[in-house]
C-alpha atoms as a PDB file:
ATOM      1  CA  MET A   1      95.520 101.581  89.554  1.00  0.00           C
ATOM      2  CA  MET A   2      94.435  99.610  86.556  1.00  0.00           C
ATOM      3  CA  VAL A   3      97.270  96.600  86.652  1.00  0.00           C
ATOM      4  CA  LYS A   4      97.264  95.097  83.209  1.00  0.00           C
ATOM      5  CA  HIS A   5     101.077  93.557  83.791  1.00  0.00           C
ATOM      6  CA  VAL A   6     101.677  90.667  86.378  1.00  0.00           C
ATOM      7  CA  LEU A   7     105.131  89.895  87.810  1.00  0.00           C
ATOM      8  CA  VAL A   8     105.530  86.365  89.067  1.00  0.00           C
ATOM      9  CA  ALA A   9     108.082  85.027  89.968  1.00  0.00           C
ATOM     10  CA  THR A  10     108.966  81.037  91.188  1.00  0.00           C
ATOM     11  CA  ASP A  11     111.135  78.913  92.556  1.00  0.00           C
ATOM     12  CA  GLY A  12     109.056  75.543  91.774  1.00  0.00           C
ATOM     13  CA  SER A  13     108.546  75.308  96.071  1.00  0.00           C
ATOM     14  CA  GLU A  14     105.428  75.605  97.405  1.00  0.00           C
ATOM     15  CA  THR A  15     105.558  79.879  98.970  1.00  0.00           C
ATOM     16  CA  ALA A  16     105.575  80.386  95.406  1.00  0.00           C
ATOM     17  CA  TRP A  17     102.827  78.638  93.974  1.00  0.00           C
ATOM     18  CA  LYS A  18     101.124  79.895  96.163  1.00  0.00           C
ATOM     19  CA  ALA A  19     102.501  83.562  94.713  1.00  0.00           C
ATOM     20  CA  VAL A  20     101.624  82.114  91.351  1.00  0.00           C
ATOM     21  CA  GLU A  21      97.272  81.236  91.521  1.00  0.00           C
ATOM     22  CA  MET A  22      97.480  84.919  94.123  1.00  0.00           C
ATOM     23  CA  ALA A  23      98.726  86.064  90.682  1.00  0.00           C
ATOM     24  CA  THR A  24      96.559  84.592  88.463  1.00  0.00           C
ATOM     25  CA  ASN A  25      93.713  85.442  90.815  1.00  0.00           C
ATOM     26  CA  ILE A  26      94.309  89.004  90.154  1.00  0.00           C
ATOM     27  CA  ALA A  27      95.543  88.809  86.488  1.00  0.00           C
ATOM     28  CA  ARG A  28      92.498  87.352  85.727  1.00  0.00           C
ATOM     29  CA  ALA A  29      90.097  90.088  87.816  1.00  0.00           C
ATOM     30  CA  CYS A  30      91.803  92.691  86.051  1.00  0.00           C
ATOM     31  CA  GLY A  31      91.869  90.887  82.757  1.00  0.00           C
ATOM     32  CA  ALA A  32      95.692  91.422  83.030  1.00  0.00           C
ATOM     33  CA  ARG A  33      98.550  89.580  81.656  1.00  0.00           C
ATOM     34  CA  VAL A  34     100.767  87.199  83.107  1.00  0.00           C
ATOM     35  CA  THR A  35     104.576  86.525  82.783  1.00  0.00           C
ATOM     36  CA  ILE A  36     106.014  83.557  84.975  1.00  0.00           C
ATOM     37  CA  LEU A  37     110.379  84.085  85.927  1.00  0.00           C
ATOM     38  CA  HIS A  38     111.719  81.473  86.858  1.00  0.00           C
ATOM     39  CA  VAL A  39     115.719  82.999  88.007  1.00  0.00           C
ATOM     40  CA  ILE A  40     118.841  80.115  87.638  1.00  0.00           C
ATOM     41  CA  VAL A  41     121.473  81.995  89.409  1.00  0.00           C
ATOM     42  CA  ASN A  42     124.828  82.433  88.199  1.00  0.00           C
ATOM     43  CA  GLY A  43     127.165  79.894  88.837  1.00  0.00           C
ATOM     44  CA  LEU A  44     125.000  77.892  91.341  1.00  0.00           C
ATOM     45  CA  ARG A  45     127.527  74.882  92.960  1.00  0.00           C
ATOM     46  CA  ALA A  46     125.831  71.158  92.935  1.00  0.00           C
ATOM     47  CA  GLU A  47     125.151  71.440  96.549  1.00  0.00           C
ATOM     48  CA  GLU A  48     123.115  74.487  95.892  1.00  0.00           C
ATOM     49  CA  ALA A  49     121.474  72.674  93.638  1.00  0.00           C
ATOM     50  CA  SER A  50     121.123  69.973  96.234  1.00  0.00           C
ATOM     51  CA  GLN A  51     118.757  72.380  97.985  1.00  0.00           C
ATOM     52  CA  LEU A  52     116.682  72.336  95.521  1.00  0.00           C
ATOM     53  CA  ALA A  53     115.790  68.647  96.713  1.00  0.00           C
ATOM     54  CA  ARG A  54     112.205  70.204  98.253  1.00  0.00           C
ATOM     55  CA  ALA A  55     110.299  69.861  94.833  1.00  0.00           C
ATOM     56  CA  GLU A  56     110.886  67.116  94.337  1.00  0.00           C
ATOM     57  CA  HIS A  57     108.296  66.469  92.193  1.00  0.00           C
ATOM     58  CA  ILE A  58     109.197  68.913  89.460  1.00  0.00           C
ATOM     59  CA  VAL A  59     112.354  66.575  89.170  1.00  0.00           C
ATOM     60  CA  ARG A  60     110.493  63.019  88.363  1.00  0.00           C
ATOM     61  CA  ARG A  61     108.642  65.013  85.367  1.00  0.00           C
ATOM     62  CA  VAL A  62     111.887  66.260  84.465  1.00  0.00           C
ATOM     63  CA  SER A  63     114.081  63.357  84.301  1.00  0.00           C
ATOM     64  CA  PRO A  64     112.168  61.826  81.028  1.00  0.00           C
ATOM     65  CA  ILE A  65     112.973  65.634  78.703  1.00  0.00           C
ATOM     66  CA  THR A  66     117.003  65.956  80.336  1.00  0.00           C
ATOM     67  CA  MET A  67     117.470  61.928  80.308  1.00  0.00           C
ATOM     68  CA  PRO A  68     115.708  60.290  78.138  1.00  0.00           C
ATOM     69  CA  GLY A  69     115.532  56.012  78.567  1.00  0.00           C
ATOM     70  CA  GLN A  70     116.757  57.048  83.108  1.00  0.00           C
ATOM     71  CA  GLU A  71     112.721  58.036  84.507  1.00  0.00           C
ATOM     72  CA  ARG A  72     113.308  55.037  86.111  1.00  0.00           C
ATOM     73  CA  ALA A  73     116.328  55.651  88.065  1.00  0.00           C
ATOM     74  CA  LEU A  74     115.571  59.595  89.147  1.00  0.00           C
ATOM     75  CA  PHE A  75     114.190  59.704  92.501  1.00  0.00           C
ATOM     76  CA  SER A  76     115.795  62.901  93.200  1.00  0.00           C
ATOM     77  CA  MET A  77     117.419  66.426  92.537  1.00  0.00           C
ATOM     78  CA  GLY A  78     120.857  64.972  93.477  1.00  0.00           C
ATOM     79  CA  ALA A  79     119.833  61.451  91.117  1.00  0.00           C
ATOM     80  CA  LEU A  80     119.310  64.512  88.880  1.00  0.00           C
ATOM     81  CA  LEU A  81     121.999  65.782  88.265  1.00  0.00           C
ATOM     82  CA  GLN A  82     124.307  63.266  88.475  1.00  0.00           C
ATOM     83  CA  ASN A  83     123.070  61.519  85.942  1.00  0.00           C
ATOM     84  CA  SER A  84     123.256  64.733  83.982  1.00  0.00           C
ATOM     85  CA  GLN A  85     127.237  64.776  83.591  1.00  0.00           C
ATOM     86  CA  GLY A  86     127.774  67.017  86.162  1.00  0.00           C
ATOM     87  CA  ASP A  87     126.012  69.416  83.958  1.00  0.00           C
ATOM     88  CA  ILE A  88     124.252  71.370  86.137  1.00  0.00           C
ATOM     89  CA  GLY A  89     123.362  74.254  84.236  1.00  0.00           C
ATOM     90  CA  LYS A  90     121.686  71.664  81.737  1.00  0.00           C
ATOM     91  CA  ALA A  91     119.392  70.285  84.351  1.00  0.00           C
ATOM     92  CA  MET A  92     119.112  73.392  86.157  1.00  0.00           C
ATOM     93  CA  SER A  93     117.356  75.040  82.885  1.00  0.00           C
ATOM     94  CA  ALA A  94     115.402  71.733  82.336  1.00  0.00           C
ATOM     95  CA  LEU A  95     113.474  71.833  86.273  1.00  0.00           C
ATOM     96  CA  GLY A  96     113.244  75.412  85.238  1.00  0.00           C
ATOM     97  CA  GLU A  97     111.002  74.645  82.502  1.00  0.00           C
ATOM     98  CA  ARG A  98     108.964  72.083  84.354  1.00  0.00           C
ATOM     99  CA  ILE A  99     108.806  74.544  86.766  1.00  0.00           C
ATOM    100  CA  VAL A 100     107.239  78.395  84.414  1.00  0.00           C
ATOM    101  CA  GLU A 101     105.578  75.815  82.844  1.00  0.00           C
ATOM    102  CA  ASP A 102     104.087  73.774  85.180  1.00  0.00           C
ATOM    103  CA  ALA A 103     102.370  77.452  86.774  1.00  0.00           C
ATOM    104  CA  ALA A 104     101.162  78.932  83.278  1.00  0.00           C
ATOM    105  CA  GLU A 105      99.535  75.144  82.491  1.00  0.00           C
ATOM    106  CA  HIS A 106      98.365  76.857  86.208  1.00  0.00           C
ATOM    107  CA  ALA A 107      97.140  79.312  85.750  1.00  0.00           C
ATOM    108  CA  ARG A 108      95.276  78.643  82.502  1.00  0.00           C
ATOM    109  CA  THR A 109      93.417  76.477  84.175  1.00  0.00           C
ATOM    110  CA  LEU A 110      92.395  79.539  86.293  1.00  0.00           C
ATOM    111  CA  GLY A 111      90.582  81.446  83.230  1.00  0.00           C
ATOM    112  CA  VAL A 112      93.438  83.561  81.964  1.00  0.00           C
ATOM    113  CA  ASP A 113      94.674  83.373  78.363  1.00  0.00           C
ATOM    114  CA  ASP A 114      97.560  85.466  78.612  1.00  0.00           C
ATOM    115  CA  VAL A 115     100.073  83.831  80.062  1.00  0.00           C
ATOM    116  CA  HIS A 116     104.233  84.418  79.262  1.00  0.00           C
ATOM    117  CA  THR A 117     106.939  81.931  80.563  1.00  0.00           C
ATOM    118  CA  ARG A 118     110.659  83.877  80.950  1.00  0.00           C
ATOM    119  CA  ILE A 119     113.838  82.024  82.731  1.00  0.00           C
ATOM    120  CA  GLU A 120     116.068  83.934  83.002  1.00  0.00           C
ATOM    121  CA  PRO A 121     119.728  83.798  84.344  1.00  0.00           C
ATOM    122  CA  GLY A 122     120.907  86.181  87.316  1.00  0.00           C
ATOM    123  CA  ASP A 123     120.495  86.841  90.390  1.00  0.00           C
ATOM    124  CA  TYR A 124     116.804  85.858  92.333  1.00  0.00           C
ATOM    125  CA  SER A 125     116.096  89.926  92.637  1.00  0.00           C
ATOM    126  CA  GLY A 126     118.251  91.575  90.079  1.00  0.00           C
ATOM    127  CA  THR A 127     116.614  89.453  87.782  1.00  0.00           C
ATOM    128  CA  ILE A 128     113.434  90.156  88.687  1.00  0.00           C
ATOM    129  CA  LEU A 129     113.544  93.815  89.057  1.00  0.00           C
ATOM    130  CA  ALA A 130     115.687  93.886  85.491  1.00  0.00           C
ATOM    131  CA  VAL A 131     112.235  92.071  84.134  1.00  0.00           C
ATOM    132  CA  SER A 132     109.855  93.742  85.337  1.00  0.00           C
ATOM    133  CA  ASP A 133     110.795  97.316  84.863  1.00  0.00           C
ATOM    134  CA  GLU A 134     112.062  95.384  80.585  1.00  0.00           C
ATOM    135  CA  ILE A 135     108.163  93.740  80.731  1.00  0.00           C
ATOM    136  CA  GLY A 136     106.449  96.898  82.152  1.00  0.00           C
ATOM    137  CA  ALA A 137     105.296  94.916  85.137  1.00  0.00           C
ATOM    138  CA  ASP A 138     102.404  96.626  86.838  1.00  0.00           C
ATOM    139  CA  MET A 139     102.215  94.037  89.559  1.00  0.00           C
ATOM    140  CA  ILE A 140     105.069  91.734  90.846  1.00  0.00           C
ATOM    141  CA  VAL A 141     104.134  88.877  93.508  1.00  0.00           C
ATOM    142  CA  VAL A 142     106.319  87.221  94.860  1.00  0.00           C
ATOM    143  CA  GLY A 143     105.988  84.521  98.098  1.00  0.00           C
ATOM    144  CA  SER A 144     107.850  85.357 101.464  1.00  0.00           C
ATOM    145  CA  ARG A 145     109.759  82.541 100.924  1.00  0.00           C
ATOM    146  CA  GLY A 146     111.842  80.540  98.412  1.00  0.00           C
ATOM    147  CA  LEU A 147     114.028  77.105  98.250  1.00  0.00           C
ATOM    148  CA  GLY A 148     116.192  79.978  99.027  1.00  0.00           C
ATOM    149  CA  ARG A 149     119.961  79.331  98.409  1.00  0.00           C
ATOM    150  CA  LEU A 150     121.432  78.759 101.591  1.00  0.00           C
ATOM    151  CA  ALA A 151     118.489  77.516 102.916  1.00  0.00           C
ATOM    152  CA  GLY A 152     117.520  78.765 106.128  1.00  0.00           C
ATOM    153  CA  MET A 153     119.602  82.053 106.480  1.00  0.00           C
ATOM    154  CA  LEU A 154     118.411  84.722 103.447  1.00  0.00           C
ATOM    155  CA  LEU A 155     114.346  83.789 103.588  1.00  0.00           C
ATOM    156  CA  GLY A 156     112.611  86.581 102.805  1.00  0.00           C
ATOM    157  CA  SER A 157     115.082  88.569 101.632  1.00  0.00           C
ATOM    158  CA  VAL A 158     115.121  88.402  98.504  1.00  0.00           C
ATOM    159  CA  SER A 159     110.686  88.843  98.580  1.00  0.00           C
ATOM    160  CA  MET A 160     112.165  92.745 100.569  1.00  0.00           C
ATOM    161  CA  LYS A 161     114.766  93.553  98.138  1.00  0.00           C
ATOM    162  CA  VAL A 162     112.055  93.442  95.488  1.00  0.00           C
ATOM    163  CA  ALA A 163     110.323  95.622  97.240  1.00  0.00           C
ATOM    164  CA  GLN A 164     112.390  97.627  98.593  1.00  0.00           C
ATOM    165  CA  GLN A 165     113.349  98.880  95.070  1.00  0.00           C
ATOM    166  CA  ALA A 166     110.761  98.326  92.697  1.00  0.00           C
ATOM    167  CA  THR A 167     108.889 100.460  90.979  1.00  0.00           C
ATOM    168  CA  CYS A 168     106.268  98.559  90.186  1.00  0.00           C
ATOM    169  CA  SER A 169     103.538  97.404  93.117  1.00  0.00           C
ATOM    170  CA  VAL A 170     104.854  94.401  94.953  1.00  0.00           C
ATOM    171  CA  MET A 171     102.882  91.478  96.583  1.00  0.00           C
ATOM    172  CA  ILE A 172     104.102  89.039  98.942  1.00  0.00           C
ATOM    173  CA  VAL A 173     102.720  86.277  99.425  1.00  0.00           C
ATOM    174  CA  ARG A 174     102.749  83.887 102.536  1.00  0.00           C
END
């Protein structure tokens, strides 16, 4: 099987970062394109968004983008949400941009030139599968566990659903 286009989904978690590295290594070896996808969940509530606190390092880099002049005041996801005046969508979009741009920069550093980024709204697995079909991905790479919509309760369910329903090969990275 010749891999020409690899889709990797990331939520900014440590496992997703490993998935980005794996997808990049595969793409580099095959001369394939990489598309890095971040899914923004529809109807995300503030409590759920706060679970992204495990990606705090990203928040520090997003804060100057979403709220110029507030850089020093922001140290957490909670602060990012509070200072975006309840506009969770704006905060999550900015966080998603930072996640995919960091991943794309890393992929280019590892030697892949053909790198694209996408941020899409929807539910995690359904959106990953839809984007895979749309772009004609030969392979999907996902982490075994992400930050999770309800951390701890459904860990691994996204990767399992993607693996069961995808029409191409799927690699689950631990």
